[in-house]
């Protein structure tokens, strides 16, 4: 885990979901390092979280701060759903059952585990 970034492998490391947090400058630095376009400040400020995805890039979840409260963890789970949906679209998978749910759960679980280690 880098400062405000956690990289979570999905489907045996072939795909990744990146979770990051911070102000617009910090988030854009991480997003662009994964080949995504910068977020507009007005767009990011008006959202609880954002999931950036493109055809040839790993999805990046951008949050305002590291998730700690129930609302922030709920936002992470919501954006994790979008990230996994993007991966499923890339692999042309139509099923949204156990493997999909476990992938969403892994994003939330690994993020919270890494944050716990960081702040202990």
PDB file of N, CA and C in Angstrom:
ATOM      1  N   UNK A   1       0.853  -1.176   0.000  1.00  0.00           N
ATOM      2  CA  UNK A   1       0.000   0.000   0.000  1.00  0.00           C
ATOM      3  C   UNK A   1       0.897   1.237   0.000  1.00  0.00           C
ATOM      4  N   UNK A   2       0.696   2.066  -1.022  1.00  0.00           N
ATOM      5  CA  UNK A   2       1.361   3.359  -1.008  1.00  0.00           C
ATOM      6  C   UNK A   2       0.533   4.301  -0.150  1.00  0.00           C
ATOM      7  N   UNK A   3       0.990   5.500   0.009  1.00  0.00           N
ATOM      8  CA  UNK A   3       0.389   6.454   0.929  1.00  0.00           C
ATOM      9  C   UNK A   3      -1.137   6.460   0.934  1.00  0.00           C
ATOM     10  N   UNK A   4      -1.777   6.834  -0.133  1.00  0.00           N
ATOM     11  CA  UNK A   4      -3.239   6.913  -0.203  1.00  0.00           C
ATOM     12  C   UNK A   4      -3.783   5.988  -1.282  1.00  0.00           C
ATOM     13  N   UNK A   5      -3.166   4.838  -1.452  1.00  0.00           N
ATOM     14  CA  UNK A   5      -3.547   3.946  -2.549  1.00  0.00           C
ATOM     15  C   UNK A   5      -3.387   2.491  -2.132  1.00  0.00           C
ATOM     16  N   UNK A   6      -4.403   1.702  -2.447  1.00  0.00           N
ATOM     17  CA  UNK A   6      -4.370   0.266  -2.200  1.00  0.00           C
ATOM     18  C   UNK A   6      -4.695  -0.423  -3.522  1.00  0.00           C
ATOM     19  N   UNK A   7      -3.880  -1.400  -3.899  1.00  0.00           N
ATOM     20  CA  UNK A   7      -4.089  -2.156  -5.129  1.00  0.00           C
ATOM     21  C   UNK A   7      -4.589  -3.542  -4.734  1.00  0.00           C
ATOM     22  N   UNK A   8      -5.755  -3.909  -5.255  1.00  0.00           N
ATOM     23  CA  UNK A   8      -6.397  -5.161  -4.883  1.00  0.00           C
ATOM     24  C   UNK A   8      -6.504  -6.066  -6.107  1.00  0.00           C
ATOM     25  N   UNK A   9      -5.872  -7.245  -6.076  1.00  0.00           N
ATOM     26  CA  UNK A   9      -5.977  -8.166  -7.212  1.00  0.00           C
ATOM     27  C   UNK A   9      -7.360  -8.816  -7.264  1.00  0.00           C
ATOM     28  N   UNK A  10      -7.856  -8.952  -8.466  1.00  0.00           N
ATOM     29  CA  UNK A  10      -9.136  -9.616  -8.715  1.00  0.00           C
ATOM     30  C   UNK A  10      -8.886 -10.688  -9.776  1.00  0.00           C
ATOM     31  N   UNK A  11      -9.462 -11.846  -9.622  1.00  0.00           N
ATOM     32  CA  UNK A  11      -9.309 -12.945 -10.588  1.00  0.00           C
ATOM     33  C   UNK A  11      -7.836 -13.332 -10.775  1.00  0.00           C
ATOM     34  N   UNK A  12      -7.192 -13.757  -9.711  1.00  0.00           N
ATOM     35  CA  UNK A  12      -5.817 -14.263  -9.759  1.00  0.00           C
ATOM     36  C   UNK A  12      -4.817 -13.257 -10.296  1.00  0.00           C
ATOM     37  N   UNK A  13      -4.894 -12.042  -9.880  1.00  0.00           N
ATOM     38  CA  UNK A  13      -3.935 -10.976 -10.221  1.00  0.00           C
ATOM     39  C   UNK A  13      -4.007 -10.485 -11.664  1.00  0.00           C
ATOM     40  N   UNK A  14      -4.838 -11.079 -12.485  1.00  0.00           N
ATOM     41  CA  UNK A  14      -4.916 -10.613 -13.869  1.00  0.00           C
ATOM     42  C   UNK A  14      -5.525  -9.217 -13.945  1.00  0.00           C
ATOM     43  N   UNK A  15      -6.467  -8.963 -13.098  1.00  0.00           N
ATOM     44  CA  UNK A  15      -7.112  -7.649 -13.040  1.00  0.00           C
ATOM     45  C   UNK A  15      -6.895  -7.080 -11.654  1.00  0.00           C
ATOM     46  N   UNK A  16      -6.917  -5.769 -11.576  1.00  0.00           N
ATOM     47  CA  UNK A  16      -6.730  -5.095 -10.298  1.00  0.00           C
ATOM     48  C   UNK A  16      -7.794  -4.025 -10.146  1.00  0.00           C
ATOM     49  N   UNK A  17      -8.117  -3.718  -8.913  1.00  0.00           N
ATOM     50  CA  UNK A  17      -8.925  -2.550  -8.585  1.00  0.00           C
ATOM     51  C   UNK A  17      -8.076  -1.710  -7.645  1.00  0.00           C
ATOM     52  N   UNK A  18      -7.982  -0.446  -7.947  1.00  0.00           N
ATOM     53  CA  UNK A  18      -7.195   0.465  -7.136  1.00  0.00           C
ATOM     54  C   UNK A  18      -8.158   1.319  -6.322  1.00  0.00           C
ATOM     55  N   UNK A  19      -7.926   1.418  -5.021  1.00  0.00           N
ATOM     56  CA  UNK A  19      -8.718   2.286  -4.153  1.00  0.00           C
ATOM     57  C   UNK A  19      -7.783   3.397  -3.686  1.00  0.00           C
ATOM     58  N   UNK A  20      -8.219   4.642  -3.890  1.00  0.00           N
ATOM     59  CA  UNK A  20      -7.409   5.773  -3.453  1.00  0.00           C
ATOM     60  C   UNK A  20      -8.291   6.816  -2.787  1.00  0.00           C
ATOM     61  N   UNK A  21      -7.661   7.722  -2.056  1.00  0.00           N
ATOM     62  CA  UNK A  21      -8.420   8.754  -1.358  1.00  0.00           C
ATOM     63  C   UNK A  21      -7.537   9.976  -1.179  1.00  0.00           C
ATOM     64  N   UNK A  22      -8.211  11.106  -0.964  1.00  0.00           N
ATOM     65  CA  UNK A  22      -7.508  12.349  -0.717  1.00  0.00           C
ATOM     66  C   UNK A  22      -8.216  13.518  -1.378  1.00  0.00           C
ATOM     67  N   UNK A  23      -7.523  14.655  -1.417  1.00  0.00           N
ATOM     68  CA  UNK A  23      -8.097  15.806  -2.102  1.00  0.00           C
ATOM     69  C   UNK A  23      -7.952  15.594  -3.614  1.00  0.00           C
ATOM     70  N   UNK A  24      -8.489  16.497  -4.388  1.00  0.00           N
ATOM     71  CA  UNK A  24      -8.515  16.325  -5.849  1.00  0.00           C
ATOM     72  C   UNK A  24      -7.106  16.185  -6.422  1.00  0.00           C
ATOM     73  N   UNK A  25      -6.148  16.903  -5.882  1.00  0.00           N
ATOM     74  CA  UNK A  25      -4.775  16.830  -6.382  1.00  0.00           C
ATOM     75  C   UNK A  25      -4.172  15.451  -6.125  1.00  0.00           C
ATOM     76  N   UNK A  26      -4.357  14.941  -4.912  1.00  0.00           N
ATOM     77  CA  UNK A  26      -3.832  13.615  -4.556  1.00  0.00           C
ATOM     78  C   UNK A  26      -4.499  12.526  -5.394  1.00  0.00           C
ATOM     79  N   UNK A  27      -5.826  12.608  -5.509  1.00  0.00           N
ATOM     80  CA  UNK A  27      -6.582  11.601  -6.263  1.00  0.00           C
ATOM     81  C   UNK A  27      -6.185  11.628  -7.739  1.00  0.00           C
ATOM     82  N   UNK A  28      -6.072  12.811  -8.316  1.00  0.00           N
ATOM     83  CA  UNK A  28      -5.703  12.897  -9.732  1.00  0.00           C
ATOM     84  C   UNK A  28      -4.303  12.371  -9.997  1.00  0.00           C
ATOM     85  N   UNK A  29      -3.394  12.554  -9.068  1.00  0.00           N
ATOM     86  CA  UNK A  29      -2.042  12.008  -9.231  1.00  0.00           C
ATOM     87  C   UNK A  29      -2.097  10.486  -9.346  1.00  0.00           C
ATOM     88  N   UNK A  30      -2.901   9.859  -8.496  1.00  0.00           N
ATOM     89  CA  UNK A  30      -3.022   8.399  -8.528  1.00  0.00           C
ATOM     90  C   UNK A  30      -3.791   7.947  -9.762  1.00  0.00           C
ATOM     91  N   UNK A  31      -4.901   8.607 -10.055  1.00  0.00           N
ATOM     92  CA  UNK A  31      -5.722   8.220 -11.209  1.00  0.00           C
ATOM     93  C   UNK A  31      -4.914   8.276 -12.497  1.00  0.00           C
ATOM     94  N   UNK A  32      -4.185   9.361 -12.700  1.00  0.00           N
ATOM     95  CA  UNK A  32      -3.410   9.494 -13.941  1.00  0.00           C
ATOM     96  C   UNK A  32      -2.240   8.511 -13.985  1.00  0.00           C
ATOM     97  N   UNK A  33      -1.731   8.082 -12.826  1.00  0.00           N
ATOM     98  CA  UNK A  33      -0.655   7.083 -12.831  1.00  0.00           C
ATOM     99  C   UNK A  33      -1.158   5.730 -13.348  1.00  0.00           C
ATOM    100  N   UNK A  34      -2.479   5.542 -13.324  1.00  0.00           N
ATOM    101  CA  UNK A  34      -3.093   4.321 -13.854  1.00  0.00           C
ATOM    102  C   UNK A  34      -3.738   4.590 -15.221  1.00  0.00           C
ATOM    103  N   UNK A  35      -3.326   5.678 -15.885  1.00  0.00           N
ATOM    104  CA  UNK A  35      -3.703   6.009 -17.267  1.00  0.00           C
ATOM    105  C   UNK A  35      -5.137   6.475 -17.451  1.00  0.00           C
ATOM    106  N   UNK A  36      -5.747   6.968 -16.404  1.00  0.00           N
ATOM    107  CA  UNK A  36      -7.075   7.559 -16.503  1.00  0.00           C
ATOM    108  C   UNK A  36      -6.946   9.066 -16.660  1.00  0.00           C
ATOM    109  N   UNK A  37      -8.005   9.682 -17.171  1.00  0.00           N
ATOM    110  CA  UNK A  37      -8.041  11.135 -17.274  1.00  0.00           C
ATOM    111  C   UNK A  37      -8.278  11.737 -15.898  1.00  0.00           C
ATOM    112  N   UNK A  38      -7.804  12.958 -15.715  1.00  0.00           N
ATOM    113  CA  UNK A  38      -8.029  13.655 -14.454  1.00  0.00           C
ATOM    114  C   UNK A  38      -9.512  13.894 -14.224  1.00  0.00           C
ATOM    115  N   UNK A  39      -9.893  13.895 -12.954  1.00  0.00           N
ATOM    116  CA  UNK A  39     -11.261  14.254 -12.575  1.00  0.00           C
ATOM    117  C   UNK A  39     -11.354  15.769 -12.462  1.00  0.00           C
ATOM    118  N   UNK A  40     -12.485  16.309 -12.874  1.00  0.00           N
ATOM    119  CA  UNK A  40     -12.741  17.728 -12.650  1.00  0.00           C
ATOM    120  C   UNK A  40     -13.075  17.926 -11.173  1.00  0.00           C
ATOM    121  N   UNK A  41     -12.556  18.979 -10.585  1.00  0.00           N
ATOM    122  CA  UNK A  41     -12.757  19.212  -9.156  1.00  0.00           C
ATOM    123  C   UNK A  41     -14.239  19.312  -8.798  1.00  0.00           C
ATOM    124  N   UNK A  42     -15.017  20.044  -9.581  1.00  0.00           N
ATOM    125  CA  UNK A  42     -16.453  20.195  -9.298  1.00  0.00           C
ATOM    126  C   UNK A  42     -17.176  18.856  -9.321  1.00  0.00           C
ATOM    127  N   UNK A  43     -16.778  17.986 -10.246  1.00  0.00           N
ATOM    128  CA  UNK A  43     -17.398  16.665 -10.345  1.00  0.00           C
ATOM    129  C   UNK A  43     -17.065  15.827  -9.107  1.00  0.00           C
ATOM    130  N   UNK A  44     -15.792  15.803  -8.722  1.00  0.00           N
ATOM    131  CA  UNK A  44     -15.357  14.988  -7.593  1.00  0.00           C
ATOM    132  C   UNK A  44     -15.944  15.496  -6.279  1.00  0.00           C
ATOM    133  N   UNK A  45     -15.940  16.809  -6.089  1.00  0.00           N
ATOM    134  CA  UNK A  45     -16.451  17.400  -4.849  1.00  0.00           C
ATOM    135  C   UNK A  45     -17.928  17.055  -4.654  1.00  0.00           C
ATOM    136  N   UNK A  46     -18.677  16.979  -5.731  1.00  0.00           N
ATOM    137  CA  UNK A  46     -20.111  16.726  -5.647  1.00  0.00           C
ATOM    138  C   UNK A  46     -20.498  15.267  -5.442  1.00  0.00           C
ATOM    139  N   UNK A  47     -19.535  14.380  -5.344  1.00  0.00           N
ATOM    140  CA  UNK A  47     -19.801  12.940  -5.198  1.00  0.00           C
ATOM    141  C   UNK A  47     -19.219  12.419  -3.896  1.00  0.00           C
ATOM    142  N   UNK A  48     -19.808  11.330  -3.387  1.00  0.00           N
ATOM    143  CA  UNK A  48     -19.224  10.650  -2.214  1.00  0.00           C
ATOM    144  C   UNK A  48     -17.988   9.863  -2.625  1.00  0.00           C
ATOM    145  N   UNK A  49     -18.020   9.336  -3.827  1.00  0.00           N
ATOM    146  CA  UNK A  49     -16.916   8.558  -4.379  1.00  0.00           C
ATOM    147  C   UNK A  49     -17.133   8.412  -5.871  1.00  0.00           C
ATOM    148  N   UNK A  50     -16.096   8.005  -6.571  1.00  0.00           N
ATOM    149  CA  UNK A  50     -16.148   7.872  -8.021  1.00  0.00           C
ATOM    150  C   UNK A  50     -15.385   6.613  -8.401  1.00  0.00           C
ATOM    151  N   UNK A  51     -15.871   5.906  -9.413  1.00  0.00           N
ATOM    152  CA  UNK A  51     -15.125   4.787  -9.986  1.00  0.00           C
ATOM    153  C   UNK A  51     -14.758   5.164 -11.416  1.00  0.00           C
ATOM    154  N   UNK A  52     -13.458   5.237 -11.677  1.00  0.00           N
ATOM    155  CA  UNK A  52     -12.967   5.563 -13.025  1.00  0.00           C
ATOM    156  C   UNK A  52     -12.638   4.257 -13.736  1.00  0.00           C
ATOM    157  N   UNK A  53     -13.097   4.138 -14.975  1.00  0.00           N
ATOM    158  CA  UNK A  53     -12.742   2.958 -15.740  1.00  0.00           C
ATOM    159  C   UNK A  53     -12.740   3.266 -17.225  1.00  0.00           C
ATOM    160  N   UNK A  54     -11.842   2.578 -17.911  1.00  0.00           N
ATOM    161  CA  UNK A  54     -11.705   2.650 -19.358  1.00  0.00           C
ATOM    162  C   UNK A  54     -11.451   1.225 -19.849  1.00  0.00           C
ATOM    163  N   UNK A  55     -11.508   1.055 -21.147  1.00  0.00           N
ATOM    164  CA  UNK A  55     -11.363  -0.281 -21.734  1.00  0.00           C
ATOM    165  C   UNK A  55     -10.038  -0.938 -21.348  1.00  0.00           C
ATOM    166  N   UNK A  56      -8.932  -0.244 -21.486  1.00  0.00           N
ATOM    167  CA  UNK A  56      -7.620  -0.865 -21.276  1.00  0.00           C
ATOM    168  C   UNK A  56      -6.961  -0.494 -19.954  1.00  0.00           C
ATOM    169  N   UNK A  57      -7.742  -0.103 -18.972  1.00  0.00           N
ATOM    170  CA  UNK A  57      -7.183   0.311 -17.681  1.00  0.00           C
ATOM    171  C   UNK A  57      -7.863  -0.437 -16.546  1.00  0.00           C
ATOM    172  N   UNK A  58      -7.140  -0.588 -15.454  1.00  0.00           N
ATOM    173  CA  UNK A  58      -7.737  -1.140 -14.239  1.00  0.00           C
ATOM    174  C   UNK A  58      -8.661  -0.083 -13.637  1.00  0.00           C
ATOM    175  N   UNK A  59      -9.809  -0.475 -13.100  1.00  0.00           N
ATOM    176  CA  UNK A  59     -10.686   0.514 -12.465  1.00  0.00           C
ATOM    177  C   UNK A  59     -10.047   1.117 -11.213  1.00  0.00           C
ATOM    178  N   UNK A  60     -10.292   2.400 -11.015  1.00  0.00           N
ATOM    179  CA  UNK A  60      -9.780   3.116  -9.850  1.00  0.00           C
ATOM    180  C   UNK A  60     -10.960   3.723  -9.101  1.00  0.00           C
ATOM    181  N   UNK A  61     -11.065   3.398  -7.822  1.00  0.00           N
ATOM    182  CA  UNK A  61     -12.089   3.980  -6.944  1.00  0.00           C
ATOM    183  C   UNK A  61     -11.447   5.155  -6.215  1.00  0.00           C
ATOM    184  N   UNK A  62     -12.047   6.328  -6.357  1.00  0.00           N
ATOM    185  CA  UNK A  62     -11.530   7.539  -5.715  1.00  0.00           C
ATOM    186  C   UNK A  62     -12.501   7.995  -4.631  1.00  0.00           C
ATOM    187  N   UNK A  63     -11.984   8.150  -3.421  1.00  0.00           N
ATOM    188  CA  UNK A  63     -12.779   8.583  -2.279  1.00  0.00           C
ATOM    189  C   UNK A  63     -12.157   9.856  -1.696  1.00  0.00           C
ATOM    190  N   UNK A  64     -12.940  10.598  -0.951  1.00  0.00           N
ATOM    191  CA  UNK A  64     -12.434  11.827  -0.341  1.00  0.00           C
ATOM    192  C   UNK A  64     -11.497  11.548   0.827  1.00  0.00           C
ATOM    193  N   UNK A  65     -11.748  10.459   1.541  1.00  0.00           N
ATOM    194  CA  UNK A  65     -10.866  10.087   2.642  1.00  0.00           C
ATOM    195  C   UNK A  65     -10.937   8.581   2.844  1.00  0.00           C
ATOM    196  N   UNK A  66      -9.999   8.069   3.610  1.00  0.00           N
ATOM    197  CA  UNK A  66      -9.991   6.633   3.893  1.00  0.00           C
ATOM    198  C   UNK A  66     -11.296   6.267   4.585  1.00  0.00           C
ATOM    199  N   UNK A  67     -11.972   5.221   4.110  1.00  0.00           N
ATOM    200  CA  UNK A  67     -13.283   4.878   4.678  1.00  0.00           C
ATOM    201  C   UNK A  67     -13.192   4.331   6.097  1.00  0.00           C
ATOM    202  N   UNK A  68     -13.969   4.969   6.993  1.00  0.00           N
ATOM    203  CA  UNK A  68     -14.011   4.526   8.393  1.00  0.00           C
ATOM    204  C   UNK A  68     -15.443   4.404   8.900  1.00  0.00           C
ATOM    205  N   UNK A  69     -16.303   5.322   8.507  1.00  0.00           N
ATOM    206  CA  UNK A  69     -17.678   5.310   8.997  1.00  0.00           C
ATOM    207  C   UNK A  69     -18.523   4.365   8.155  1.00  0.00           C
ATOM    208  N   UNK A  70     -19.709   4.041   8.647  1.00  0.00           N
ATOM    209  CA  UNK A  70     -20.624   3.176   7.900  1.00  0.00           C
ATOM    210  C   UNK A  70     -20.959   3.787   6.543  1.00  0.00           C
ATOM    211  N   UNK A  71     -21.171   5.085   6.494  1.00  0.00           N
ATOM    212  CA  UNK A  71     -21.483   5.748   5.219  1.00  0.00           C
ATOM    213  C   UNK A  71     -20.306   5.654   4.247  1.00  0.00           C
ATOM    214  N   UNK A  72     -19.098   5.876   4.735  1.00  0.00           N
ATOM    215  CA  UNK A  72     -17.912   5.807   3.871  1.00  0.00           C
ATOM    216  C   UNK A  72     -17.658   4.382   3.385  1.00  0.00           C
ATOM    217  N   UNK A  73     -17.866   3.404   4.254  1.00  0.00           N
ATOM    218  CA  UNK A  73     -17.697   2.001   3.844  1.00  0.00           C
ATOM    219  C   UNK A  73     -18.793   1.617   2.851  1.00  0.00           C
ATOM    220  N   UNK A  74     -20.001   2.131   3.059  1.00  0.00           N
ATOM    221  CA  UNK A  74     -21.078   1.910   2.089  1.00  0.00           C
ATOM    222  C   UNK A  74     -20.735   2.483   0.727  1.00  0.00           C
ATOM    223  N   UNK A  75     -20.121   3.669   0.705  1.00  0.00           N
ATOM    224  CA  UNK A  75     -19.697   4.275  -0.560  1.00  0.00           C
ATOM    225  C   UNK A  75     -18.633   3.415  -1.221  1.00  0.00           C
ATOM    226  N   UNK A  76     -17.675   2.908  -0.452  1.00  0.00           N
ATOM    227  CA  UNK A  76     -16.659   2.006  -0.993  1.00  0.00           C
ATOM    228  C   UNK A  76     -17.320   0.779  -1.624  1.00  0.00           C
ATOM    229  N   UNK A  77     -18.269   0.177  -0.938  1.00  0.00           N
ATOM    230  CA  UNK A  77     -18.960  -1.007  -1.471  1.00  0.00           C
ATOM    231  C   UNK A  77     -19.710  -0.662  -2.757  1.00  0.00           C
ATOM    232  N   UNK A  78     -20.361   0.483  -2.785  1.00  0.00           N
ATOM    233  CA  UNK A  78     -21.085   0.933  -3.979  1.00  0.00           C
ATOM    234  C   UNK A  78     -20.125   1.069  -5.166  1.00  0.00           C
ATOM    235  N   UNK A  79     -19.004   1.740  -4.946  1.00  0.00           N
ATOM    236  CA  UNK A  79     -18.031   1.932  -6.029  1.00  0.00           C
ATOM    237  C   UNK A  79     -17.345   0.613  -6.396  1.00  0.00           C
ATOM    238  N   UNK A  80     -17.176  -0.282  -5.424  1.00  0.00           N
ATOM    239  CA  UNK A  80     -16.604  -1.605  -5.704  1.00  0.00           C
ATOM    240  C   UNK A  80     -17.498  -2.377  -6.663  1.00  0.00           C
ATOM    241  N   UNK A  81     -18.811  -2.236  -6.504  1.00  0.00           N
ATOM    242  CA  UNK A  81     -19.745  -2.877  -7.431  1.00  0.00           C
ATOM    243  C   UNK A  81     -19.477  -2.389  -8.858  1.00  0.00           C
ATOM    244  N   UNK A  82     -19.310  -1.076  -9.029  1.00  0.00           N
ATOM    245  CA  UNK A  82     -19.035  -0.529 -10.365  1.00  0.00           C
ATOM    246  C   UNK A  82     -17.704  -1.045 -10.912  1.00  0.00           C
ATOM    247  N   UNK A  83     -16.690  -1.127 -10.057  1.00  0.00           N
ATOM    248  CA  UNK A  83     -15.380  -1.600 -10.496  1.00  0.00           C
ATOM    249  C   UNK A  83     -15.439  -3.049 -10.970  1.00  0.00           C
ATOM    250  N   UNK A  84     -16.101  -3.899 -10.204  1.00  0.00           N
ATOM    251  CA  UNK A  84     -16.208  -5.308 -10.592  1.00  0.00           C
ATOM    252  C   UNK A  84     -17.085  -5.442 -11.840  1.00  0.00           C
ATOM    253  N   UNK A  85     -18.121  -4.659 -11.951  1.00  0.00           N
ATOM    254  CA  UNK A  85     -18.951  -4.677 -13.173  1.00  0.00           C
ATOM    255  C   UNK A  85     -18.102  -4.350 -14.397  1.00  0.00           C
ATOM    256  N   UNK A  86     -17.187  -3.389 -14.253  1.00  0.00           N
ATOM    257  CA  UNK A  86     -16.300  -3.040 -15.360  1.00  0.00           C
ATOM    258  C   UNK A  86     -15.421  -4.222 -15.761  1.00  0.00           C
ATOM    259  N   UNK A  87     -14.878  -4.914 -14.773  1.00  0.00           N
ATOM    260  CA  UNK A  87     -14.042  -6.084 -15.070  1.00  0.00           C
ATOM    261  C   UNK A  87     -14.883  -7.168 -15.741  1.00  0.00           C
ATOM    262  N   UNK A  88     -16.080  -7.406 -15.238  1.00  0.00           N
ATOM    263  CA  UNK A  88     -16.962  -8.427 -15.830  1.00  0.00           C
ATOM    264  C   UNK A  88     -17.270  -8.076 -17.283  1.00  0.00           C
ATOM    265  N   UNK A  89     -17.482  -6.811 -17.568  1.00  0.00           N
ATOM    266  CA  UNK A  89     -17.719  -6.393 -18.963  1.00  0.00           C
ATOM    267  C   UNK A  89     -16.499  -6.672 -19.826  1.00  0.00           C
ATOM    268  N   UNK A  90     -15.322  -6.448 -19.300  1.00  0.00           N
ATOM    269  CA  UNK A  90     -14.076  -6.681 -20.056  1.00  0.00           C
ATOM    270  C   UNK A  90     -13.907  -8.151 -20.408  1.00  0.00           C
ATOM    271  N   UNK A  91     -14.310  -9.032 -19.512  1.00  0.00           N
ATOM    272  CA  UNK A  91     -14.128 -10.467 -19.766  1.00  0.00           C
ATOM    273  C   UNK A  91     -15.388 -11.099 -20.352  1.00  0.00           C
ATOM    274  N   UNK A  92     -16.370 -10.251 -20.655  1.00  0.00           N
ATOM    275  CA  UNK A  92     -17.616 -10.697 -21.288  1.00  0.00           C
ATOM    276  C   UNK A  92     -18.350 -11.733 -20.429  1.00  0.00           C
ATOM    277  N   UNK A  93     -18.366 -11.483 -19.125  1.00  0.00           N
ATOM    278  CA  UNK A  93     -19.039 -12.364 -18.172  1.00  0.00           C
ATOM    279  C   UNK A  93     -20.401 -11.776 -17.820  1.00  0.00           C
ATOM    280  N   UNK A  94     -21.439 -12.575 -17.989  1.00  0.00           N
ATOM    281  CA  UNK A  94     -22.800 -12.102 -17.722  1.00  0.00           C
ATOM    282  C   UNK A  94     -23.294 -12.449 -16.322  1.00  0.00           C
ATOM    283  N   UNK A  95     -22.706 -13.452 -15.718  1.00  0.00           N
ATOM    284  CA  UNK A  95     -23.160 -13.921 -14.410  1.00  0.00           C
ATOM    285  C   UNK A  95     -22.741 -12.949 -13.312  1.00  0.00           C
ATOM    286  N   UNK A  96     -23.686 -12.578 -12.480  1.00  0.00           N
ATOM    287  CA  UNK A  96     -23.393 -11.723 -11.323  1.00  0.00           C
ATOM    288  C   UNK A  96     -23.766 -12.485 -10.054  1.00  0.00           C
ATOM    289  N   UNK A  97     -23.090 -13.607  -9.834  1.00  0.00           N
ATOM    290  CA  UNK A  97     -23.440 -14.445  -8.690  1.00  0.00           C
ATOM    291  C   UNK A  97     -22.308 -14.458  -7.665  1.00  0.00           C
ATOM    292  N   UNK A  98     -21.949 -15.609  -7.161  1.00  0.00           N
ATOM    293  CA  UNK A  98     -21.007 -15.723  -6.054  1.00  0.00           C
ATOM    294  C   UNK A  98     -19.638 -15.116  -6.341  1.00  0.00           C
ATOM    295  N   UNK A  99     -19.063 -15.416  -7.484  1.00  0.00           N
ATOM    296  CA  UNK A  99     -17.737 -14.891  -7.788  1.00  0.00           C
ATOM    297  C   UNK A  99     -17.749 -13.364  -7.846  1.00  0.00           C
ATOM    298  N   UNK A 100     -18.793 -12.798  -8.413  1.00  0.00           N
ATOM    299  CA  UNK A 100     -18.958 -11.345  -8.459  1.00  0.00           C
ATOM    300  C   UNK A 100     -19.051 -10.788  -7.035  1.00  0.00           C
ATOM    301  N   UNK A 101     -19.912 -11.395  -6.228  1.00  0.00           N
ATOM    302  CA  UNK A 101     -20.098 -10.928  -4.850  1.00  0.00           C
ATOM    303  C   UNK A 101     -18.814 -11.045  -4.036  1.00  0.00           C
ATOM    304  N   UNK A 102     -18.072 -12.141  -4.213  1.00  0.00           N
ATOM    305  CA  UNK A 102     -16.804 -12.308  -3.505  1.00  0.00           C
ATOM    306  C   UNK A 102     -15.787 -11.263  -3.950  1.00  0.00           C
ATOM    307  N   UNK A 103     -15.819 -10.874  -5.214  1.00  0.00           N
ATOM    308  CA  UNK A 103     -14.899  -9.850  -5.711  1.00  0.00           C
ATOM    309  C   UNK A 103     -15.206  -8.489  -5.094  1.00  0.00           C
ATOM    310  N   UNK A 104     -16.490  -8.143  -5.010  1.00  0.00           N
ATOM    311  CA  UNK A 104     -16.885  -6.888  -4.351  1.00  0.00           C
ATOM    312  C   UNK A 104     -16.466  -6.939  -2.882  1.00  0.00           C
ATOM    313  N   UNK A 105     -16.744  -8.059  -2.239  1.00  0.00           N
ATOM    314  CA  UNK A 105     -16.362  -8.231  -0.839  1.00  0.00           C
ATOM    315  C   UNK A 105     -14.857  -8.121  -0.625  1.00  0.00           C
ATOM    316  N   UNK A 106     -14.073  -8.650  -1.566  1.00  0.00           N
ATOM    317  CA  UNK A 106     -12.612  -8.588  -1.447  1.00  0.00           C
ATOM    318  C   UNK A 106     -12.120  -7.144  -1.476  1.00  0.00           C
ATOM    319  N   UNK A 107     -12.712  -6.330  -2.318  1.00  0.00           N
ATOM    320  CA  UNK A 107     -12.304  -4.921  -2.395  1.00  0.00           C
ATOM    321  C   UNK A 107     -12.538  -4.233  -1.054  1.00  0.00           C
ATOM    322  N   UNK A 108     -13.707  -4.440  -0.491  1.00  0.00           N
ATOM    323  CA  UNK A 108     -14.029  -3.807   0.801  1.00  0.00           C
ATOM    324  C   UNK A 108     -13.146  -4.382   1.903  1.00  0.00           C
ATOM    325  N   UNK A 109     -13.046  -5.701   1.958  1.00  0.00           N
ATOM    326  CA  UNK A 109     -12.286  -6.372   3.017  1.00  0.00           C
ATOM    327  C   UNK A 109     -10.803  -5.981   2.985  1.00  0.00           C
ATOM    328  N   UNK A 110     -10.172  -6.065   1.822  1.00  0.00           N
ATOM    329  CA  UNK A 110      -8.742  -5.767   1.721  1.00  0.00           C
ATOM    330  C   UNK A 110      -8.482  -4.294   2.031  1.00  0.00           C
ATOM    331  N   UNK A 111      -9.339  -3.418   1.544  1.00  0.00           N
ATOM    332  CA  UNK A 111      -9.176  -1.993   1.841  1.00  0.00           C
ATOM    333  C   UNK A 111      -9.202  -1.760   3.347  1.00  0.00           C
ATOM    334  N   UNK A 112     -10.205  -2.305   4.025  1.00  0.00           N
ATOM    335  CA  UNK A 112     -10.322  -2.096   5.470  1.00  0.00           C
ATOM    336  C   UNK A 112      -9.175  -2.758   6.233  1.00  0.00           C
ATOM    337  N   UNK A 113      -8.736  -3.934   5.797  1.00  0.00           N
ATOM    338  CA  UNK A 113      -7.608  -4.602   6.444  1.00  0.00           C
ATOM    339  C   UNK A 113      -6.329  -3.778   6.305  1.00  0.00           C
ATOM    340  N   UNK A 114      -6.075  -3.269   5.115  1.00  0.00           N
ATOM    341  CA  UNK A 114      -4.869  -2.472   4.879  1.00  0.00           C
ATOM    342  C   UNK A 114      -4.899  -1.176   5.685  1.00  0.00           C
ATOM    343  N   UNK A 115      -6.072  -0.559   5.749  1.00  0.00           N
ATOM    344  CA  UNK A 115      -6.194   0.675   6.536  1.00  0.00           C
ATOM    345  C   UNK A 115      -5.973   0.408   8.014  1.00  0.00           C
ATOM    346  N   UNK A 116      -6.489  -0.716   8.496  1.00  0.00           N
ATOM    347  CA  UNK A 116      -6.297  -1.063   9.901  1.00  0.00           C
ATOM    348  C   UNK A 116      -4.809  -1.212  10.206  1.00  0.00           C
ATOM    349  N   UNK A 117      -4.065  -1.894   9.329  1.00  0.00           N
ATOM    350  CA  UNK A 117      -2.615  -2.053   9.515  1.00  0.00           C
ATOM    351  C   UNK A 117      -1.911  -0.697   9.495  1.00  0.00           C
ATOM    352  N   UNK A 118      -2.336   0.159   8.593  1.00  0.00           N
ATOM    353  CA  UNK A 118      -1.691   1.457   8.452  1.00  0.00           C
ATOM    354  C   UNK A 118      -1.879   2.334   9.686  1.00  0.00           C
ATOM    355  N   UNK A 119      -3.076   2.276  10.272  1.00  0.00           N
ATOM    356  CA  UNK A 119      -3.384   3.188  11.372  1.00  0.00           C
ATOM    357  C   UNK A 119      -3.246   2.568  12.751  1.00  0.00           C
ATOM    358  N   UNK A 120      -2.753   1.334  12.855  1.00  0.00           N
ATOM    359  CA  UNK A 120      -2.552   0.711  14.167  1.00  0.00           C
ATOM    360  C   UNK A 120      -1.323   1.259  14.838  1.00  0.00           C
TER     361      UNK A 120
END
